[in-house]
Amino acid sequence: MSSPRAALLVSGLISFVALGSGMAITGAALPVYERLFSIDTATSGWLVSTLWIGCLCGVVAMFFAGERISPRIALSGIVLGAVLLAVAPTWGLTVLGAAVFGFGYGMVAAVFNTRLLVCWAESGPSKVSMLNAVFSAGAILAPWVFGLIGGDPRPIFWAMAAIGVAGFVVAGPVPDTGLVRRAEARGFTLHLPSLGFALVGVSTEASLAGLGPTALIRTGVAEDKAAVLLSLFFIAALVARVGMILFAHRVPDFAVYVIAVAWAALCALGAAAVSAPFFFPLIGVSAGLFFQGAFVPATRKMGDDPRVSPIILGLGLVGASVAPPVYARLMDALGPHGFFWLIAGMTGAASLAALAAWRGMMR
């Protein structure tokens, strides 16, 4: 690699393919696990929640020990978790594998997003967009391959482990690249509105990816078609993220978030009232914008202290851990389209709150 920061970028790009695959295949595989282990949707939904709880724990580890956690240490978690998911013969071990993978996921997200923002300076937001774009690529490929091979998630998990190993190898020369130590940081300011917006954005993205296929099936969509629609959802997210690579430096950072929640509200309303198969993939545009739309302005508001990224990610992941099981339990009472009504209500409220906070967030 020509430079440590280039190696950091390439390792991150490789690693985020595995992260995207893990998020997408977990949701797509829920109906398989329901049949295999004779469990209901409310129980299987905990697999998605467990992944995000593990992710939250990884972010907490970064808060307390971020200066000592290198990219290679973070990547070890996703490799081990993917291997556990590939071999797990019981529901309990499957959940354990999701927790370990999630733990590595949280550390990898905190390490690479923050360090690339720092070491690439003005082009940092575009590099974060690149991470999100390859994340979407993994999220597109995983359910697509899952459908091609007959609905067996194990080969996907083995591939994720191999990708994690590749990222581990490339990350060798970059243990401290982009690391800002607390003694060098310019300060730390807690900004609650930024954290609230991150919570809503990340939890909505996690719920759409994790419960979207199940919600589609409940509206009458076949399992194989639901997997295809999930891939289309992530294709839309990829298109949005590629667009941000080109235009991130030209669009006000918080405007990205406002666009994301407003578009999600409109599409979720369309999915609930008109056609779930048509509107669900379109919500992927919002999924492609949520993270950057929340993370970049929150970082600008809160400073470059190494604790900032774990706090932003952690609050978002609290929502990602809690929201899927809550939606899974509430959506039945609202009929076959209940999930989409819930998403429409949440993102509609977030749109109004974001518009009300516009002036303060843009300063």
Protein backbone atom coordinates (compact mmCIF):
# COMPACT_ATOMS: atom_id res chain seq x y z
CA MET A 1 0.00 0.00 0.00
CA SER A 2 1.40 3.41 -0.96
CA SER A 3 0.59 5.00 2.41
CA PRO A 4 -0.87 4.04 5.81
CA ARG A 5 -4.01 6.07 5.21
CA ALA A 6 -4.55 4.32 1.84
CA ALA A 7 -4.15 0.97 3.59
CA LEU A 8 -6.66 2.10 6.23
CA LEU A 9 -9.14 3.03 3.49
CA VAL A 10 -8.73 -0.24 1.58
CA SER A 11 -8.99 -2.32 4.75
CA GLY A 12 -12.13 -0.42 5.68
CA LEU A 13 -13.67 -0.90 2.26
CA ILE A 14 -13.02 -4.65 2.40
CA SER A 15 -14.33 -4.94 5.95
CA PHE A 16 -17.54 -3.01 5.32
CA VAL A 17 -18.54 -5.53 2.64
CA ALA A 18 -18.69 -8.10 5.45
CA LEU A 19 -20.63 -5.72 7.71
CA GLY A 20 -23.24 -5.07 5.03
CA SER A 21 -23.56 -8.77 4.28
CA GLY A 22 -24.05 -9.54 7.96
CA MET A 23 -26.82 -7.00 8.44
CA ALA A 24 -28.70 -8.08 5.31
CA ILE A 25 -28.40 -11.85 5.64
CA THR A 26 -29.51 -11.80 9.28
CA GLY A 27 -32.87 -10.35 8.27
CA ALA A 28 -33.24 -12.51 5.17
CA ALA A 29 -32.48 -15.70 7.13
CA LEU A 30 -35.11 -15.18 9.86
CA PRO A 31 -37.83 -17.27 8.10
CA VAL A 32 -35.25 -20.06 7.65
CA TYR A 33 -34.41 -20.05 11.37
CA GLU A 34 -38.12 -19.99 12.27
CA ARG A 35 -38.61 -23.24 10.37
CA LEU A 36 -35.30 -24.82 11.38
CA PHE A 37 -35.64 -24.19 15.12
CA SER A 38 -39.48 -24.09 15.33
CA ILE A 39 -39.62 -20.54 16.72
CA ASP A 40 -42.03 -17.66 16.11
CA THR A 41 -41.33 -14.27 14.54
CA ALA A 42 -41.09 -12.50 17.90
CA THR A 43 -38.36 -14.94 18.96
CA SER A 44 -36.47 -14.89 15.65
CA GLY A 45 -36.54 -11.09 15.71
CA TRP A 46 -34.22 -11.24 18.70
CA LEU A 47 -31.45 -12.40 16.35
CA VAL A 48 -31.50 -8.97 14.71
CA SER A 49 -31.67 -7.31 18.11
CA THR A 50 -28.82 -9.45 19.44
CA LEU A 51 -26.57 -8.42 16.57
CA TRP A 52 -27.21 -4.77 17.41
CA ILE A 53 -26.79 -5.35 21.16
CA GLY A 54 -23.41 -6.93 20.39
CA CYS A 55 -22.64 -3.96 18.18
CA LEU A 56 -23.52 -1.62 21.04
CA CYS A 57 -21.18 -3.54 23.35
CA GLY A 58 -18.40 -3.15 20.78
CA VAL A 59 -19.02 0.58 20.66
CA VAL A 60 -18.95 0.75 24.48
CA ALA A 61 -15.59 -1.04 24.40
CA MET A 62 -14.37 1.62 21.99
CA PHE A 63 -15.52 4.36 24.37
CA PHE A 64 -13.40 3.01 27.22
CA ALA A 65 -10.48 1.54 25.29
CA GLY A 66 -10.65 3.06 21.80
CA GLU A 67 -7.05 4.27 21.88
CA ARG A 68 -5.88 0.67 22.40
CA ILE A 69 -8.17 -1.05 19.86
CA SER A 70 -6.53 -1.28 16.44
CA PRO A 71 -8.33 -2.14 13.18
CA ARG A 72 -7.00 -5.69 13.44
CA ILE A 73 -8.42 -6.22 16.92
CA ALA A 74 -11.80 -4.93 15.74
CA LEU A 75 -11.77 -7.17 12.66
CA SER A 76 -11.08 -10.27 14.78
CA GLY A 77 -14.60 -9.98 16.17
CA ILE A 78 -16.37 -10.10 12.84
CA VAL A 79 -14.25 -13.05 11.69
CA LEU A 80 -14.97 -15.10 14.82
CA GLY A 81 -18.66 -14.19 14.80
CA ALA A 82 -19.08 -15.14 11.14
CA VAL A 83 -17.43 -18.51 11.78
CA LEU A 84 -19.77 -19.18 14.72
CA LEU A 85 -22.81 -18.31 12.59
CA ALA A 86 -21.57 -20.63 9.83
CA VAL A 87 -21.22 -23.68 12.09
CA ALA A 88 -23.88 -23.09 14.79
CA PRO A 89 -26.19 -26.15 15.04
CA THR A 90 -28.59 -24.68 17.62
CA TRP A 91 -30.57 -21.49 18.09
CA GLY A 92 -28.54 -20.58 21.18
CA LEU A 93 -25.21 -20.80 19.34
CA THR A 94 -26.68 -18.89 16.40
CA VAL A 95 -27.60 -16.06 18.75
CA LEU A 96 -24.11 -16.19 20.28
CA GLY A 97 -22.55 -15.91 16.83
CA ALA A 98 -24.69 -12.86 16.08
CA ALA A 99 -23.58 -11.27 19.37
CA VAL A 100 -19.87 -11.84 18.65
CA PHE A 101 -20.21 -10.62 15.07
CA GLY A 102 -22.08 -7.57 16.34
CA PHE A 103 -19.33 -6.87 18.88
CA GLY A 104 -16.76 -6.79 16.09
CA TYR A 105 -19.16 -4.79 13.92
CA GLY A 106 -19.40 -2.04 16.55
CA MET A 107 -15.64 -1.78 16.93
CA VAL A 108 -15.02 -1.80 13.17
CA ALA A 109 -17.61 0.93 12.58
CA ALA A 110 -16.14 3.16 15.30
CA VAL A 111 -12.54 2.60 14.21
CA PHE A 112 -12.87 3.17 10.47
CA ASN A 113 -15.52 5.91 10.30
CA THR A 114 -13.71 8.13 12.78
CA ARG A 115 -10.17 7.54 11.56
CA LEU A 116 -11.03 8.12 7.91
CA LEU A 117 -12.75 11.40 8.79
CA VAL A 118 -9.59 12.47 10.61
CA CYS A 119 -6.82 11.34 8.29
CA TRP A 120 -8.55 12.33 5.02
CA ALA A 121 -9.53 15.77 6.37
CA GLU A 122 -11.72 17.68 3.87
CA SER A 123 -12.39 14.58 1.79
CA GLY A 124 -13.23 12.58 4.93
CA PRO A 125 -17.03 12.72 4.42
CA SER A 126 -16.58 11.31 0.91
CA LYS A 127 -14.48 8.46 2.31
CA VAL A 128 -17.22 7.71 4.85
CA SER A 129 -19.63 7.63 1.90
CA MET A 130 -17.34 5.09 0.23
CA LEU A 131 -17.53 2.86 3.31
CA ASN A 132 -21.30 3.12 3.26
CA ALA A 133 -21.37 2.35 -0.46
CA VAL A 134 -19.43 -0.91 -0.15
CA PHE A 135 -21.53 -1.74 2.92
CA SER A 136 -24.54 -1.54 0.60
CA ALA A 137 -22.75 -3.70 -1.98
CA GLY A 138 -22.35 -6.45 0.62
CA ALA A 139 -25.95 -6.00 1.69
CA ILE A 140 -27.11 -6.39 -1.92
CA LEU A 141 -25.01 -9.44 -2.72
CA ALA A 142 -25.71 -11.44 0.44
CA PRO A 143 -29.51 -11.88 0.06
CA TRP A 144 -29.14 -12.27 -3.72
CA VAL A 145 -26.66 -15.14 -3.33
CA PHE A 146 -28.77 -16.47 -0.45
CA GLY A 147 -31.70 -16.82 -2.86
CA LEU A 148 -29.54 -18.36 -5.61
CA ILE A 149 -28.20 -21.13 -3.34
CA GLY A 150 -31.62 -22.14 -2.07
CA GLY A 151 -31.91 -20.21 1.17
CA ASP A 152 -28.90 -21.61 3.07
CA PRO A 153 -27.14 -18.81 5.01
CA ARG A 154 -24.05 -20.83 6.00
CA PRO A 155 -22.00 -20.24 2.80
CA ILE A 156 -22.69 -16.51 3.19
CA PHE A 157 -21.27 -16.56 6.72
CA TRP A 158 -18.14 -18.41 5.55
CA ALA A 159 -17.66 -15.80 2.83
CA MET A 160 -18.03 -13.03 5.43
CA ALA A 161 -15.33 -14.65 7.55
CA ALA A 162 -12.98 -14.82 4.55
CA ILE A 163 -13.62 -11.15 3.72
CA GLY A 164 -12.87 -10.22 7.34
CA VAL A 165 -9.55 -12.07 7.12
CA ALA A 166 -8.65 -10.12 3.97
CA GLY A 167 -9.36 -6.85 5.76
CA PHE A 168 -7.26 -8.05 8.70
CA VAL A 169 -4.27 -8.69 6.42
CA VAL A 170 -4.46 -5.28 4.71
CA ALA A 171 -4.82 -3.48 8.08
CA GLY A 172 -1.37 -4.60 9.26
CA PRO A 173 0.52 -1.31 8.66
CA VAL A 174 -2.16 1.01 10.12
CA PRO A 175 -2.45 0.43 13.90
CA ASP A 176 -2.49 4.16 14.77
CA THR A 177 -3.36 5.88 11.47
CA GLY A 178 -6.07 8.51 12.00
CA LEU A 179 -6.15 7.96 15.76
CA VAL A 180 -6.73 11.13 17.81
CA ARG A 181 -5.79 10.60 21.44
CA ARG A 182 -7.77 12.30 24.19
CA ALA A 183 -4.79 14.47 25.14
CA GLU A 184 -4.68 15.81 21.56
CA ALA A 185 -8.42 16.34 21.04
CA ARG A 186 -9.90 19.81 20.69
CA GLY A 187 -12.68 19.13 23.18
CA PHE A 188 -15.88 17.20 23.81
CA THR A 189 -19.40 18.68 23.85
CA LEU A 190 -22.50 16.56 24.36
CA HIS A 191 -25.23 17.54 21.86
CA LEU A 192 -28.51 15.79 22.62
CA PRO A 193 -30.45 16.67 19.42
CA SER A 194 -27.69 15.13 17.30
CA LEU A 195 -27.79 11.96 19.38
CA GLY A 196 -31.58 11.76 19.12
CA PHE A 197 -31.46 12.03 15.34
CA ALA A 198 -28.76 9.34 15.19
CA LEU A 199 -30.90 7.06 17.37
CA VAL A 200 -33.92 7.38 15.08
CA GLY A 201 -31.91 7.00 11.86
CA VAL A 202 -29.90 3.94 12.85
CA SER A 203 -32.85 2.19 14.52
CA THR A 204 -35.01 2.75 11.43
CA GLU A 205 -32.35 1.41 9.10
CA ALA A 206 -31.82 -1.66 11.32
CA SER A 207 -35.55 -2.35 11.53
CA LEU A 208 -36.09 -2.01 7.78
CA ALA A 209 -33.20 -4.37 6.99
CA GLY A 210 -34.00 -6.85 9.75
CA LEU A 211 -37.80 -7.00 9.63
CA GLY A 212 -38.46 -5.81 6.09
CA PRO A 213 -38.53 -9.32 4.53
CA THR A 214 -40.84 -10.64 7.26
CA ALA A 215 -43.11 -7.57 6.89
CA LEU A 216 -43.28 -8.12 3.13
CA ILE A 217 -44.14 -11.80 3.57
CA ARG A 218 -46.99 -10.80 5.90
CA THR A 219 -48.46 -8.66 3.12
CA GLY A 220 -48.57 -11.72 0.83
CA VAL A 221 -45.16 -11.55 -0.84
CA ALA A 222 -43.42 -14.92 -1.38
CA GLU A 223 -40.18 -15.58 0.53
CA ASP A 224 -37.98 -15.65 -2.58
CA LYS A 225 -39.50 -12.40 -3.85
CA ALA A 226 -39.02 -10.80 -0.41
CA ALA A 227 -35.30 -11.64 -0.61
CA VAL A 228 -35.12 -10.03 -4.07
CA LEU A 229 -36.93 -6.93 -2.80
CA LEU A 230 -34.43 -6.70 0.06
CA SER A 231 -31.62 -6.73 -2.50
CA LEU A 232 -33.38 -3.95 -4.41
CA PHE A 233 -33.71 -2.04 -1.13
CA PHE A 234 -29.94 -2.18 -0.70
CA ILE A 235 -29.35 -1.32 -4.37
CA ALA A 236 -31.30 1.89 -3.74
CA ALA A 237 -29.15 2.48 -0.65
CA LEU A 238 -26.01 1.92 -2.72
CA VAL A 239 -27.13 4.39 -5.38
CA ALA A 240 -27.74 6.99 -2.65
CA ARG A 241 -24.34 6.36 -1.08
CA VAL A 242 -22.48 6.51 -4.39
CA GLY A 243 -24.22 9.82 -5.00
CA MET A 244 -22.94 11.05 -1.64
CA ILE A 245 -19.36 10.15 -2.64
CA LEU A 246 -19.72 12.63 -5.48
CA PHE A 247 -21.76 15.32 -3.75
CA ALA A 248 -21.13 15.04 0.02
CA HIS A 249 -18.93 18.15 -0.02
CA ARG A 250 -21.63 20.16 -1.83
CA VAL A 251 -24.67 19.33 0.32
CA PRO A 252 -25.09 20.69 3.87
CA ASP A 253 -24.51 17.72 6.16
CA PHE A 254 -27.76 17.98 8.14
CA ALA A 255 -29.78 18.45 4.92
CA VAL A 256 -28.85 14.84 4.12
CA TYR A 257 -30.63 13.70 7.28
CA VAL A 258 -33.75 15.79 6.62
CA ILE A 259 -34.04 14.36 3.11
CA ALA A 260 -33.57 10.82 4.46
CA VAL A 261 -36.32 10.90 7.09
CA ALA A 262 -38.79 12.76 4.87
CA TRP A 263 -38.31 10.30 1.99
CA ALA A 264 -38.63 7.33 4.37
CA ALA A 265 -41.92 8.71 5.72
CA LEU A 266 -43.37 9.13 2.24
CA CYS A 267 -42.27 5.69 1.02
CA ALA A 268 -43.40 3.90 4.20
CA LEU A 269 -46.79 5.54 3.85
CA GLY A 270 -46.92 4.33 0.26
CA ALA A 271 -45.93 0.81 1.34
CA ALA A 272 -48.68 0.77 3.97
CA ALA A 273 -51.47 2.29 1.90
CA VAL A 274 -50.64 1.49 -1.74
CA SER A 275 -48.06 -1.24 -2.51
CA ALA A 276 -45.45 -2.70 -0.17
CA PRO A 277 -43.49 -4.47 -2.97
CA PHE A 278 -43.22 -1.21 -4.94
CA PHE A 279 -42.39 1.23 -2.14
CA PHE A 280 -40.23 -0.93 0.15
CA PRO A 281 -37.16 -0.94 -2.14
CA LEU A 282 -37.46 2.84 -2.53
CA ILE A 283 -37.01 3.33 1.22
CA GLY A 284 -33.49 2.05 0.60
CA VAL A 285 -32.58 5.57 -0.55
CA SER A 286 -33.16 6.75 3.02
CA ALA A 287 -31.24 3.81 4.44
CA GLY A 288 -28.31 4.93 2.30
CA LEU A 289 -28.40 8.41 3.81
CA PHE A 290 -29.34 7.87 7.47
CA PHE A 291 -25.89 7.17 8.88
CA GLN A 292 -23.95 9.90 7.14
CA GLY A 293 -26.81 12.35 7.65
CA ALA A 294 -26.61 11.79 11.41
CA PHE A 295 -22.93 10.98 12.00
CA VAL A 296 -21.21 13.84 10.17
CA PRO A 297 -23.22 16.74 11.69
CA ALA A 298 -23.09 15.11 15.13
CA THR A 299 -19.30 14.84 14.86
CA ARG A 300 -19.12 18.48 13.80
CA LYS A 301 -21.21 19.46 16.82
CA MET A 302 -19.43 17.29 19.40
CA GLY A 303 -15.74 17.48 18.47
CA ASP A 304 -12.89 15.09 17.60
CA ASP A 305 -12.41 13.50 21.03
CA PRO A 306 -12.07 9.69 20.58
CA ARG A 307 -15.17 9.22 22.78
CA VAL A 308 -17.41 11.12 20.34
CA SER A 309 -17.79 8.40 17.71
CA PRO A 310 -18.63 5.65 20.25
CA ILE A 311 -21.25 7.90 21.86
CA ILE A 312 -22.91 8.74 18.54
CA LEU A 313 -22.83 5.13 17.38
CA GLY A 314 -23.85 3.85 20.81
CA LEU A 315 -27.00 5.94 21.08
CA GLY A 316 -27.97 4.94 17.56
CA LEU A 317 -27.40 1.31 18.40
CA VAL A 318 -29.57 1.53 21.50
CA GLY A 319 -32.37 2.29 19.10
CA ALA A 320 -31.25 -0.46 16.72
CA SER A 321 -31.28 -2.98 19.59
CA VAL A 322 -34.67 -1.99 20.97
CA ALA A 323 -36.65 -1.07 17.85
CA PRO A 324 -36.81 -4.43 15.96
CA PRO A 325 -38.38 -6.45 18.81
CA VAL A 326 -40.72 -3.54 19.61
CA TYR A 327 -41.84 -3.30 15.98
CA ALA A 328 -42.14 -7.12 15.80
CA ARG A 329 -44.56 -7.11 18.73
CA LEU A 330 -46.58 -4.06 17.70
CA MET A 331 -47.04 -4.66 14.00
CA ASP A 332 -49.56 -7.52 14.33
CA ALA A 333 -52.12 -5.26 15.98
CA LEU A 334 -52.05 -2.92 12.97
CA GLY A 335 -52.77 -5.58 10.36
CA PRO A 336 -50.62 -7.09 7.58
CA HIS A 337 -49.13 -3.67 6.74
CA GLY A 338 -48.59 -2.73 10.38
CA PHE A 339 -44.80 -2.55 10.16
CA PHE A 340 -44.96 0.08 7.44
CA TRP A 341 -47.52 2.15 9.34
CA LEU A 342 -45.13 2.17 12.31
CA ILE A 343 -42.16 3.24 10.17
CA ALA A 344 -44.25 5.97 8.54
CA GLY A 345 -45.24 7.34 11.94
CA MET A 346 -41.72 7.31 13.35
CA THR A 347 -40.00 8.87 10.35
CA GLY A 348 -42.81 11.39 9.89
CA ALA A 349 -42.31 12.59 13.46
CA ALA A 350 -38.52 12.68 12.91
CA SER A 351 -39.02 14.80 9.78
CA LEU A 352 -40.96 17.42 11.73
CA ALA A 353 -38.39 17.40 14.55
CA ALA A 354 -35.50 17.77 12.08
CA LEU A 355 -37.15 20.74 10.37
CA ALA A 356 -37.77 22.36 13.74
CA ALA A 357 -34.10 21.87 14.68
CA TRP A 358 -32.75 22.99 11.29
CA ARG A 359 -31.32 26.34 12.33
CA GLY A 360 -29.55 25.00 15.40
CA MET A 361 -28.15 21.96 13.61
CA MET A 362 -26.75 24.03 10.74
CA ARG A 363 -24.68 26.28 13.02
